[in-house]
Amino acid sequence: MKRIVIFASGSGTNAENLIKFFHNRENASVIQVLSNNPHAKVLERAKKLKVSALSFNKIALSQTDDVLNILKVSNPDLIVLAGFLWKFPDHILNEFPNKVINVHPALLPKYGGKGMYGMNVHKAVVANKESETGITIHYVNEHYDEGAIIFQAKCDVNASDTAEDVAAKIHELEMAHFPKVVESLLKK
């Protein structure tokens, strides 16, 4: 059985989708959700779905081995960043090489980097009058949104679309593709 640990900072719709997708699967399951936000709705969602849910602070993630030690005990086959807003630390990446992935709400390399997340991305896409956008699932490395691209899916951006319209389209792409890409990576 392959083991998935999810890191998230917010409401957790992607985390919930992944938990439900892998529920009762014989090949993999989400065993834990970790959040840097003790008030994040993702923790509540995980607990309702009977998945271990813990929060941590920046010191535990980046300055000590506290989060790393939690991961060593959990022994994940894949670490999935699903709306996790902090830079992932090198010492954890080094311990889990090519086992940390992220979903980004744009077609990288466009609209990536520090501060480019969520509505910030969608507002930039609309402001720049892009005709298309999408999602990028990529490996995480030591730089924001620069790891090797695993998968991209596109959607049109209409001239009349607001940032909220774009967000809804991106959400649909994430819901449809993210679990399947995670599953395919676990089969490798």
N, C-alpha and C. Protein backbone atom coordinates (compact mmCIF):
# COMPACT_ATOMS: atom_id res chain seq x y z
N MET A 1 0.85 -1.19 0.00
CA MET A 1 0.00 0.00 0.00
C MET A 1 0.89 1.24 0.00
N LYS A 2 0.71 2.11 -1.01
CA LYS A 2 1.46 3.36 -1.10
C LYS A 2 0.84 4.38 -0.15
N ARG A 3 1.71 5.18 0.44
CA ARG A 3 1.29 6.13 1.47
C ARG A 3 1.49 7.57 0.99
N ILE A 4 0.43 8.37 1.14
CA ILE A 4 0.45 9.77 0.70
C ILE A 4 0.29 10.67 1.92
N VAL A 5 1.14 11.69 2.01
CA VAL A 5 1.00 12.74 3.01
C VAL A 5 0.75 14.04 2.25
N ILE A 6 -0.25 14.79 2.69
CA ILE A 6 -0.62 16.05 2.05
C ILE A 6 -0.26 17.22 2.97
N PHE A 7 0.33 18.26 2.37
CA PHE A 7 0.55 19.53 3.05
C PHE A 7 -0.40 20.55 2.43
N ALA A 8 -1.12 21.29 3.28
CA ALA A 8 -2.06 22.31 2.79
C ALA A 8 -2.12 23.45 3.79
N SER A 9 -2.51 24.62 3.32
CA SER A 9 -2.58 25.81 4.17
C SER A 9 -3.99 26.35 4.35
N GLY A 10 -4.92 25.95 3.51
CA GLY A 10 -6.22 26.62 3.51
C GLY A 10 -7.42 25.71 3.66
N SER A 11 -8.38 25.89 2.76
CA SER A 11 -9.67 25.22 2.91
C SER A 11 -9.58 23.71 2.66
N GLY A 12 -8.69 23.28 1.79
CA GLY A 12 -8.45 21.86 1.64
C GLY A 12 -9.34 21.12 0.66
N THR A 13 -9.88 21.80 -0.34
CA THR A 13 -10.72 21.07 -1.30
C THR A 13 -9.91 20.06 -2.10
N ASN A 14 -8.67 20.41 -2.46
CA ASN A 14 -7.82 19.44 -3.17
C ASN A 14 -7.46 18.27 -2.27
N ALA A 15 -7.16 18.55 -1.01
CA ALA A 15 -6.84 17.48 -0.06
C ALA A 15 -8.04 16.55 0.11
N GLU A 16 -9.22 17.12 0.28
CA GLU A 16 -10.43 16.31 0.44
C GLU A 16 -10.66 15.45 -0.80
N ASN A 17 -10.48 16.04 -1.97
CA ASN A 17 -10.66 15.30 -3.23
C ASN A 17 -9.69 14.12 -3.29
N LEU A 18 -8.44 14.35 -2.90
CA LEU A 18 -7.45 13.26 -2.91
C LEU A 18 -7.80 12.18 -1.90
N ILE A 19 -8.20 12.59 -0.69
CA ILE A 19 -8.57 11.61 0.34
C ILE A 19 -9.72 10.74 -0.16
N LYS A 20 -10.74 11.37 -0.72
CA LYS A 20 -11.90 10.61 -1.20
C LYS A 20 -11.53 9.72 -2.39
N PHE A 21 -10.67 10.22 -3.28
CA PHE A 21 -10.26 9.45 -4.45
C PHE A 21 -9.56 8.16 -4.03
N PHE A 22 -8.70 8.25 -3.01
CA PHE A 22 -7.92 7.09 -2.60
C PHE A 22 -8.59 6.27 -1.48
N HIS A 23 -9.75 6.71 -1.01
CA HIS A 23 -10.46 5.97 0.03
C HIS A 23 -10.88 4.60 -0.51
N ASN A 24 -10.59 3.59 0.24
CA ASN A 24 -10.92 2.20 -0.12
C ASN A 24 -10.19 1.69 -1.36
N ARG A 25 -9.11 2.35 -1.74
CA ARG A 25 -8.27 1.84 -2.83
C ARG A 25 -7.31 0.82 -2.24
N GLU A 26 -6.97 -0.17 -3.02
CA GLU A 26 -6.05 -1.18 -2.53
C GLU A 26 -4.60 -0.77 -2.72
N ASN A 27 -4.36 0.16 -3.63
CA ASN A 27 -2.98 0.49 -3.98
C ASN A 27 -2.40 1.67 -3.21
N ALA A 28 -3.25 2.58 -2.69
CA ALA A 28 -2.73 3.78 -2.03
C ALA A 28 -3.79 4.42 -1.15
N SER A 29 -3.31 5.20 -0.17
CA SER A 29 -4.23 5.98 0.64
C SER A 29 -3.52 7.20 1.20
N VAL A 30 -4.33 8.22 1.51
CA VAL A 30 -3.82 9.41 2.18
C VAL A 30 -3.79 9.07 3.67
N ILE A 31 -2.60 9.11 4.25
CA ILE A 31 -2.47 8.71 5.65
C ILE A 31 -2.38 9.90 6.60
N GLN A 32 -2.09 11.09 6.06
CA GLN A 32 -1.89 12.23 6.95
C GLN A 32 -2.02 13.54 6.19
N VAL A 33 -2.54 14.55 6.89
CA VAL A 33 -2.59 15.91 6.38
C VAL A 33 -1.87 16.79 7.38
N LEU A 34 -0.94 17.59 6.88
CA LEU A 34 -0.17 18.51 7.72
C LEU A 34 -0.40 19.93 7.23
N SER A 35 -0.56 20.86 8.18
CA SER A 35 -0.83 22.24 7.81
C SER A 35 -0.01 23.21 8.66
N ASN A 36 0.40 24.30 8.02
CA ASN A 36 1.08 25.37 8.71
C ASN A 36 0.09 26.33 9.37
N ASN A 37 -1.19 26.09 9.18
CA ASN A 37 -2.23 26.98 9.71
C ASN A 37 -3.11 26.18 10.66
N PRO A 38 -3.01 26.42 11.98
CA PRO A 38 -3.81 25.64 12.93
C PRO A 38 -5.31 25.84 12.79
N HIS A 39 -5.71 26.88 12.08
CA HIS A 39 -7.14 27.16 11.87
C HIS A 39 -7.61 26.80 10.46
N ALA A 40 -6.77 26.15 9.69
CA ALA A 40 -7.12 25.81 8.30
C ALA A 40 -8.26 24.81 8.27
N LYS A 41 -9.18 25.05 7.37
CA LYS A 41 -10.33 24.15 7.23
C LYS A 41 -9.90 22.75 6.78
N VAL A 42 -8.72 22.65 6.14
CA VAL A 42 -8.24 21.35 5.68
C VAL A 42 -8.09 20.37 6.85
N LEU A 43 -7.73 20.86 8.03
CA LEU A 43 -7.57 19.98 9.19
C LEU A 43 -8.92 19.39 9.60
N GLU A 44 -9.94 20.22 9.58
CA GLU A 44 -11.30 19.78 9.88
C GLU A 44 -11.78 18.75 8.84
N ARG A 45 -11.54 19.04 7.57
CA ARG A 45 -11.94 18.12 6.51
C ARG A 45 -11.27 16.76 6.68
N ALA A 46 -9.97 16.77 6.97
CA ALA A 46 -9.23 15.52 7.12
C ALA A 46 -9.78 14.71 8.30
N LYS A 47 -10.01 15.36 9.42
CA LYS A 47 -10.52 14.66 10.60
C LYS A 47 -11.88 14.05 10.33
N LYS A 48 -12.75 14.77 9.61
CA LYS A 48 -14.07 14.23 9.27
C LYS A 48 -13.95 12.98 8.41
N LEU A 49 -12.88 12.92 7.61
CA LEU A 49 -12.66 11.76 6.73
C LEU A 49 -11.73 10.73 7.38
N LYS A 50 -11.52 10.88 8.69
CA LYS A 50 -10.74 9.93 9.49
C LYS A 50 -9.29 9.79 9.04
N VAL A 51 -8.69 10.94 8.70
CA VAL A 51 -7.28 11.00 8.34
C VAL A 51 -6.56 11.84 9.38
N SER A 52 -5.43 11.38 9.84
CA SER A 52 -4.62 12.11 10.81
C SER A 52 -4.35 13.53 10.30
N ALA A 53 -4.54 14.52 11.18
CA ALA A 53 -4.35 15.91 10.77
C ALA A 53 -3.60 16.66 11.87
N LEU A 54 -2.49 17.26 11.50
CA LEU A 54 -1.65 17.98 12.45
C LEU A 54 -1.27 19.33 11.89
N SER A 55 -1.05 20.30 12.79
CA SER A 55 -0.53 21.59 12.36
C SER A 55 0.85 21.80 12.98
N PHE A 56 1.60 22.69 12.38
CA PHE A 56 2.96 22.96 12.83
C PHE A 56 3.27 24.42 12.56
N ASN A 57 4.36 24.91 13.14
CA ASN A 57 4.77 26.29 12.89
C ASN A 57 6.03 26.31 12.04
N LYS A 58 6.46 27.52 11.69
CA LYS A 58 7.60 27.69 10.79
C LYS A 58 8.89 27.10 11.39
N ILE A 59 9.05 27.23 12.69
CA ILE A 59 10.25 26.68 13.34
C ILE A 59 10.27 25.16 13.18
N ALA A 60 9.14 24.51 13.41
CA ALA A 60 9.06 23.05 13.30
C ALA A 60 9.35 22.57 11.89
N LEU A 61 8.98 23.38 10.90
CA LEU A 61 9.19 23.00 9.51
C LEU A 61 10.62 23.26 9.05
N SER A 62 11.11 24.46 9.32
CA SER A 62 12.34 24.90 8.68
C SER A 62 13.58 24.95 9.57
N GLN A 63 13.38 25.13 10.86
CA GLN A 63 14.54 25.33 11.74
C GLN A 63 14.87 24.14 12.62
N THR A 64 13.96 23.19 12.71
CA THR A 64 14.21 21.96 13.47
C THR A 64 13.85 20.77 12.58
N ASP A 65 14.02 19.59 13.11
CA ASP A 65 13.64 18.38 12.39
C ASP A 65 12.27 17.85 12.81
N ASP A 66 11.46 18.66 13.48
CA ASP A 66 10.17 18.19 13.99
C ASP A 66 9.27 17.64 12.88
N VAL A 67 9.06 18.42 11.82
CA VAL A 67 8.20 17.96 10.73
C VAL A 67 8.89 16.82 9.98
N LEU A 68 10.18 16.93 9.77
CA LEU A 68 10.93 15.84 9.11
C LEU A 68 10.76 14.54 9.89
N ASN A 69 10.82 14.60 11.20
CA ASN A 69 10.67 13.38 12.01
C ASN A 69 9.26 12.80 11.91
N ILE A 70 8.26 13.67 11.82
CA ILE A 70 6.88 13.19 11.60
C ILE A 70 6.82 12.43 10.28
N LEU A 71 7.45 13.00 9.25
CA LEU A 71 7.45 12.36 7.93
C LEU A 71 8.22 11.05 7.95
N LYS A 72 9.31 10.99 8.67
CA LYS A 72 10.08 9.74 8.75
C LYS A 72 9.23 8.63 9.37
N VAL A 73 8.45 8.97 10.37
CA VAL A 73 7.55 7.99 10.99
C VAL A 73 6.44 7.59 10.02
N SER A 74 5.88 8.57 9.32
CA SER A 74 4.79 8.29 8.37
C SER A 74 5.28 7.52 7.15
N ASN A 75 6.55 7.74 6.80
CA ASN A 75 7.19 7.04 5.68
C ASN A 75 6.37 7.13 4.37
N PRO A 76 6.10 8.35 3.90
CA PRO A 76 5.27 8.48 2.69
C PRO A 76 6.02 8.07 1.42
N ASP A 77 5.26 7.51 0.49
CA ASP A 77 5.78 7.25 -0.85
C ASP A 77 5.71 8.52 -1.69
N LEU A 78 4.79 9.43 -1.32
CA LEU A 78 4.63 10.68 -2.04
C LEU A 78 4.14 11.74 -1.06
N ILE A 79 4.75 12.93 -1.15
CA ILE A 79 4.32 14.09 -0.38
C ILE A 79 3.69 15.05 -1.38
N VAL A 80 2.44 15.41 -1.12
CA VAL A 80 1.67 16.23 -2.06
C VAL A 80 1.38 17.59 -1.44
N LEU A 81 1.85 18.64 -2.10
CA LEU A 81 1.53 19.99 -1.67
C LEU A 81 0.26 20.42 -2.41
N ALA A 82 -0.78 20.66 -1.65
CA ALA A 82 -2.08 20.99 -2.24
C ALA A 82 -2.56 22.31 -1.63
N GLY A 83 -2.06 23.41 -2.18
CA GLY A 83 -2.39 24.70 -1.61
C GLY A 83 -1.55 24.98 -0.37
N PHE A 84 -0.32 24.52 -0.38
CA PHE A 84 0.61 24.80 0.72
C PHE A 84 1.42 26.03 0.35
N LEU A 85 1.37 27.07 1.19
CA LEU A 85 1.87 28.37 0.79
C LEU A 85 3.30 28.69 1.21
N TRP A 86 3.91 27.86 2.03
CA TRP A 86 5.28 28.13 2.44
C TRP A 86 6.27 27.42 1.53
N LYS A 87 7.45 27.99 1.44
CA LYS A 87 8.53 27.33 0.70
C LYS A 87 8.89 26.04 1.41
N PHE A 88 9.01 24.97 0.65
CA PHE A 88 9.29 23.67 1.25
C PHE A 88 10.80 23.59 1.52
N PRO A 89 11.19 23.19 2.74
CA PRO A 89 12.61 23.26 3.11
C PRO A 89 13.49 22.19 2.46
N ASP A 90 14.71 22.61 2.20
CA ASP A 90 15.69 21.72 1.53
C ASP A 90 15.95 20.44 2.32
N HIS A 91 16.01 20.52 3.65
CA HIS A 91 16.36 19.32 4.41
C HIS A 91 15.30 18.23 4.26
N ILE A 92 14.04 18.61 4.04
CA ILE A 92 13.00 17.60 3.79
C ILE A 92 13.07 17.12 2.35
N LEU A 93 13.30 18.04 1.42
CA LEU A 93 13.45 17.65 0.02
C LEU A 93 14.60 16.66 -0.14
N ASN A 94 15.70 16.89 0.56
CA ASN A 94 16.86 16.00 0.47
C ASN A 94 16.56 14.62 1.03
N GLU A 95 15.71 14.56 2.03
CA GLU A 95 15.34 13.28 2.65
C GLU A 95 14.35 12.49 1.79
N PHE A 96 13.57 13.21 0.97
CA PHE A 96 12.56 12.58 0.12
C PHE A 96 12.75 13.04 -1.34
N PRO A 97 13.87 12.67 -1.95
CA PRO A 97 14.13 13.13 -3.32
C PRO A 97 13.10 12.60 -4.32
N ASN A 98 12.62 13.50 -5.17
CA ASN A 98 11.63 13.15 -6.21
C ASN A 98 10.37 12.53 -5.64
N LYS A 99 10.04 12.90 -4.40
CA LYS A 99 8.82 12.40 -3.77
C LYS A 99 7.92 13.52 -3.29
N VAL A 100 8.24 14.77 -3.69
CA VAL A 100 7.43 15.91 -3.28
C VAL A 100 6.92 16.60 -4.54
N ILE A 101 5.58 16.69 -4.65
CA ILE A 101 4.96 17.34 -5.81
C ILE A 101 4.04 18.46 -5.36
N ASN A 102 3.74 19.34 -6.30
CA ASN A 102 2.87 20.48 -6.03
C ASN A 102 1.91 20.67 -7.21
N VAL A 103 0.74 21.22 -6.93
CA VAL A 103 -0.15 21.66 -8.00
C VAL A 103 -0.15 23.18 -7.98
N HIS A 104 0.08 23.77 -9.14
CA HIS A 104 0.14 25.24 -9.27
C HIS A 104 -0.99 25.69 -10.19
N PRO A 105 -1.68 26.79 -9.84
CA PRO A 105 -2.85 27.22 -10.61
C PRO A 105 -2.54 28.08 -11.83
N ALA A 106 -1.52 27.68 -12.58
CA ALA A 106 -1.18 28.38 -13.82
C ALA A 106 -0.32 27.45 -14.67
N LEU A 107 -0.10 27.85 -15.90
CA LEU A 107 0.75 27.07 -16.80
C LEU A 107 2.19 27.56 -16.63
N LEU A 108 2.89 26.90 -15.73
CA LEU A 108 4.30 27.29 -15.51
C LEU A 108 5.08 27.12 -16.80
N PRO A 109 6.06 27.96 -17.06
CA PRO A 109 6.69 28.89 -16.12
C PRO A 109 5.96 30.21 -15.92
N LYS A 110 4.87 30.45 -16.63
CA LYS A 110 4.12 31.69 -16.43
C LYS A 110 3.49 31.70 -15.04
N TYR A 111 3.49 32.86 -14.42
CA TYR A 111 2.79 33.12 -13.17
C TYR A 111 3.23 32.20 -12.02
N GLY A 112 4.53 31.95 -11.97
CA GLY A 112 5.09 31.18 -10.87
C GLY A 112 5.98 32.07 -10.01
N GLY A 113 6.44 31.53 -8.92
CA GLY A 113 7.36 32.25 -8.06
C GLY A 113 6.71 32.74 -6.78
N LYS A 114 7.52 33.34 -5.93
CA LYS A 114 7.06 33.81 -4.63
C LYS A 114 5.89 34.77 -4.79
N GLY A 115 4.85 34.54 -4.01
CA GLY A 115 3.67 35.41 -4.03
C GLY A 115 2.66 35.06 -5.11
N MET A 116 3.02 34.14 -6.00
CA MET A 116 2.09 33.76 -7.07
C MET A 116 1.34 32.49 -6.65
N TYR A 117 0.21 32.70 -6.01
CA TYR A 117 -0.65 31.60 -5.58
C TYR A 117 -2.09 32.09 -5.60
N GLY A 118 -3.01 31.14 -5.71
CA GLY A 118 -4.43 31.44 -5.61
C GLY A 118 -4.89 32.60 -6.44
N MET A 119 -5.64 33.50 -5.81
CA MET A 119 -6.24 34.63 -6.53
C MET A 119 -5.18 35.57 -7.10
N ASN A 120 -4.00 35.63 -6.51
CA ASN A 120 -2.94 36.46 -7.08
C ASN A 120 -2.64 36.02 -8.52
N VAL A 121 -2.61 34.72 -8.73
CA VAL A 121 -2.35 34.18 -10.07
C VAL A 121 -3.51 34.52 -11.00
N HIS A 122 -4.73 34.27 -10.55
CA HIS A 122 -5.91 34.47 -11.42
C HIS A 122 -6.08 35.94 -11.79
N LYS A 123 -5.82 36.84 -10.85
CA LYS A 123 -5.90 38.27 -11.14
C LYS A 123 -4.86 38.67 -12.18
N ALA A 124 -3.66 38.11 -12.07
CA ALA A 124 -2.60 38.42 -13.04
C ALA A 124 -2.95 37.89 -14.43
N VAL A 125 -3.52 36.70 -14.49
CA VAL A 125 -3.93 36.11 -15.77
C VAL A 125 -4.96 37.01 -16.46
N VAL A 126 -5.95 37.47 -15.70
CA VAL A 126 -7.00 38.33 -16.25
C VAL A 126 -6.41 39.69 -16.63
N ALA A 127 -5.60 40.27 -15.76
CA ALA A 127 -5.01 41.60 -16.02
C ALA A 127 -4.14 41.59 -17.28
N ASN A 128 -3.49 40.47 -17.54
CA ASN A 128 -2.62 40.36 -18.72
C ASN A 128 -3.36 39.87 -19.96
N LYS A 129 -4.69 39.74 -19.83
CA LYS A 129 -5.54 39.35 -20.96
C LYS A 129 -5.07 38.06 -21.64
N GLU A 130 -4.70 37.08 -20.81
CA GLU A 130 -4.31 35.77 -21.35
C GLU A 130 -5.52 35.10 -22.00
N SER A 131 -5.27 34.34 -23.05
CA SER A 131 -6.37 33.63 -23.71
C SER A 131 -6.53 32.22 -23.15
N GLU A 132 -5.52 31.75 -22.42
CA GLU A 132 -5.63 30.45 -21.78
C GLU A 132 -4.80 30.44 -20.50
N THR A 133 -5.17 29.54 -19.62
CA THR A 133 -4.42 29.28 -18.40
C THR A 133 -4.60 27.81 -18.09
N GLY A 134 -4.27 27.40 -16.88
CA GLY A 134 -4.42 25.99 -16.55
C GLY A 134 -3.75 25.66 -15.24
N ILE A 135 -3.44 24.38 -15.10
CA ILE A 135 -2.75 23.90 -13.91
C ILE A 135 -1.45 23.23 -14.33
N THR A 136 -0.50 23.26 -13.41
CA THR A 136 0.75 22.55 -13.60
C THR A 136 1.00 21.72 -12.35
N ILE A 137 1.23 20.45 -12.54
CA ILE A 137 1.66 19.57 -11.45
C ILE A 137 3.14 19.33 -11.68
N HIS A 138 3.94 19.62 -10.66
CA HIS A 138 5.39 19.56 -10.85
C HIS A 138 6.08 19.04 -9.59
N TYR A 139 7.30 18.55 -9.79
CA TYR A 139 8.12 18.19 -8.64
C TYR A 139 8.56 19.47 -7.95
N VAL A 140 8.75 19.39 -6.65
CA VAL A 140 9.19 20.53 -5.86
C VAL A 140 10.71 20.47 -5.73
N ASN A 141 11.35 21.60 -5.97
CA ASN A 141 12.78 21.71 -5.72
C ASN A 141 13.03 22.91 -4.81
N GLU A 142 14.26 23.37 -4.73
CA GLU A 142 14.60 24.42 -3.78
C GLU A 142 14.10 25.81 -4.19
N HIS A 143 13.52 25.95 -5.38
CA HIS A 143 13.01 27.23 -5.85
C HIS A 143 11.49 27.15 -6.06
N TYR A 144 10.80 28.24 -5.75
CA TYR A 144 9.35 28.28 -5.97
C TYR A 144 9.00 27.94 -7.42
N ASP A 145 8.19 26.92 -7.61
CA ASP A 145 7.56 26.61 -8.91
C ASP A 145 8.54 26.36 -10.04
N GLU A 146 9.74 25.87 -9.75
CA GLU A 146 10.73 25.64 -10.79
C GLU A 146 11.07 24.17 -10.99
N GLY A 147 10.45 23.27 -10.22
CA GLY A 147 10.74 21.85 -10.38
C GLY A 147 10.22 21.31 -11.70
N ALA A 148 10.72 20.14 -12.07
CA ALA A 148 10.34 19.51 -13.34
C ALA A 148 8.83 19.35 -13.44
N ILE A 149 8.29 19.70 -14.61
CA ILE A 149 6.85 19.60 -14.85
C ILE A 149 6.47 18.15 -15.12
N ILE A 150 5.44 17.71 -14.44
CA ILE A 150 4.91 16.35 -14.59
C ILE A 150 3.72 16.35 -15.53
N PHE A 151 2.84 17.36 -15.40
CA PHE A 151 1.57 17.38 -16.13
C PHE A 151 1.04 18.80 -16.19
N GLN A 152 0.41 19.15 -17.31
CA GLN A 152 -0.32 20.41 -17.43
C GLN A 152 -1.66 20.16 -18.10
N ALA A 153 -2.66 20.91 -17.69
CA ALA A 153 -3.97 20.90 -18.33
C ALA A 153 -4.38 22.35 -18.53
N LYS A 154 -5.00 22.63 -19.67
CA LYS A 154 -5.34 24.00 -20.06
C LYS A 154 -6.84 24.24 -20.08
N CYS A 155 -7.19 25.52 -19.95
CA CYS A 155 -8.56 25.97 -20.15
C CYS A 155 -8.52 27.35 -20.79
N ASP A 156 -9.58 27.69 -21.49
CA ASP A 156 -9.68 29.00 -22.12
C ASP A 156 -9.99 30.07 -21.08
N VAL A 157 -9.50 31.27 -21.35
CA VAL A 157 -9.87 32.45 -20.57
C VAL A 157 -10.59 33.37 -21.54
N ASN A 158 -11.85 33.64 -21.26
CA ASN A 158 -12.65 34.51 -22.10
C ASN A 158 -12.40 35.97 -21.72
N ALA A 159 -12.58 36.86 -22.66
CA ALA A 159 -12.36 38.29 -22.42
C ALA A 159 -13.22 38.81 -21.28
N SER A 160 -14.38 38.20 -21.08
CA SER A 160 -15.29 38.66 -20.02
C SER A 160 -15.04 37.98 -18.68
N ASP A 161 -14.11 37.03 -18.61
CA ASP A 161 -13.86 36.30 -17.36
C ASP A 161 -13.26 37.21 -16.29
N THR A 162 -13.77 37.04 -15.08
CA THR A 162 -13.17 37.68 -13.91
C THR A 162 -12.16 36.71 -13.29
N ALA A 163 -11.41 37.19 -12.33
CA ALA A 163 -10.48 36.32 -11.62
C ALA A 163 -11.23 35.16 -10.95
N GLU A 164 -12.44 35.44 -10.47
CA GLU A 164 -13.26 34.41 -9.84
C GLU A 164 -13.68 33.35 -10.86
N ASP A 165 -14.00 33.78 -12.09
CA ASP A 165 -14.35 32.83 -13.16
C ASP A 165 -13.15 31.93 -13.47
N VAL A 166 -11.97 32.53 -13.54
CA VAL A 166 -10.76 31.76 -13.81
C VAL A 166 -10.51 30.78 -12.66
N ALA A 167 -10.69 31.24 -11.43
CA ALA A 167 -10.50 30.36 -10.27
C ALA A 167 -11.41 29.14 -10.36
N ALA A 168 -12.65 29.34 -10.77
CA ALA A 168 -13.59 28.21 -10.88
C ALA A 168 -13.14 27.22 -11.95
N LYS A 169 -12.63 27.72 -13.06
CA LYS A 169 -12.13 26.84 -14.13
C LYS A 169 -10.91 26.05 -13.65
N ILE A 170 -10.02 26.72 -12.94
CA ILE A 170 -8.82 26.06 -12.42
C ILE A 170 -9.22 24.98 -11.41
N HIS A 171 -10.17 25.31 -10.56
CA HIS A 171 -10.65 24.34 -9.56
C HIS A 171 -11.18 23.07 -10.24
N GLU A 172 -11.91 23.24 -11.31
CA GLU A 172 -12.42 22.07 -12.06
C GLU A 172 -11.27 21.22 -12.60
N LEU A 173 -10.25 21.87 -13.14
CA LEU A 173 -9.09 21.13 -13.66
C LEU A 173 -8.38 20.37 -12.53
N GLU A 174 -8.21 21.04 -11.39
CA GLU A 174 -7.56 20.38 -10.26
C GLU A 174 -8.35 19.16 -9.81
N MET A 175 -9.65 19.31 -9.67
CA MET A 175 -10.49 18.20 -9.21
C MET A 175 -10.43 17.02 -10.18
N ALA A 176 -10.40 17.32 -11.46
CA ALA A 176 -10.42 16.26 -12.48
C ALA A 176 -9.07 15.56 -12.63
N HIS A 177 -7.98 16.32 -12.56
CA HIS A 177 -6.68 15.76 -12.95
C HIS A 177 -5.74 15.40 -11.80
N PHE A 178 -5.77 16.16 -10.71
CA PHE A 178 -4.78 15.99 -9.66
C PHE A 178 -4.75 14.56 -9.10
N PRO A 179 -5.90 13.98 -8.71
CA PRO A 179 -5.85 12.62 -8.17
C PRO A 179 -5.30 11.59 -9.17
N LYS A 180 -5.66 11.74 -10.42
CA LYS A 180 -5.20 10.77 -11.43
C LYS A 180 -3.69 10.86 -11.65
N VAL A 181 -3.16 12.08 -11.61
CA VAL A 181 -1.71 12.25 -11.77
C VAL A 181 -0.99 11.67 -10.55
N VAL A 182 -1.52 11.92 -9.36
CA VAL A 182 -0.93 11.34 -8.15
C VAL A 182 -0.93 9.82 -8.25
N GLU A 183 -2.05 9.26 -8.67
CA GLU A 183 -2.14 7.80 -8.81
C GLU A 183 -1.12 7.28 -9.80
N SER A 184 -0.96 7.97 -10.93
CA SER A 184 0.01 7.50 -11.93
C SER A 184 1.44 7.56 -11.41
N LEU A 185 1.77 8.55 -10.60
CA LEU A 185 3.11 8.65 -10.03
C LEU A 185 3.37 7.51 -9.05
N LEU A 186 2.35 7.09 -8.34
CA LEU A 186 2.51 6.01 -7.37
C LEU A 186 2.69 4.65 -8.03
N LYS A 187 2.34 4.55 -9.29
CA LYS A 187 2.49 3.28 -10.02
C LYS A 187 3.90 3.11 -10.56
N LYS A 188 4.69 4.18 -10.55
CA LYS A 188 6.05 4.12 -11.11
C LYS A 188 6.97 3.34 -10.19
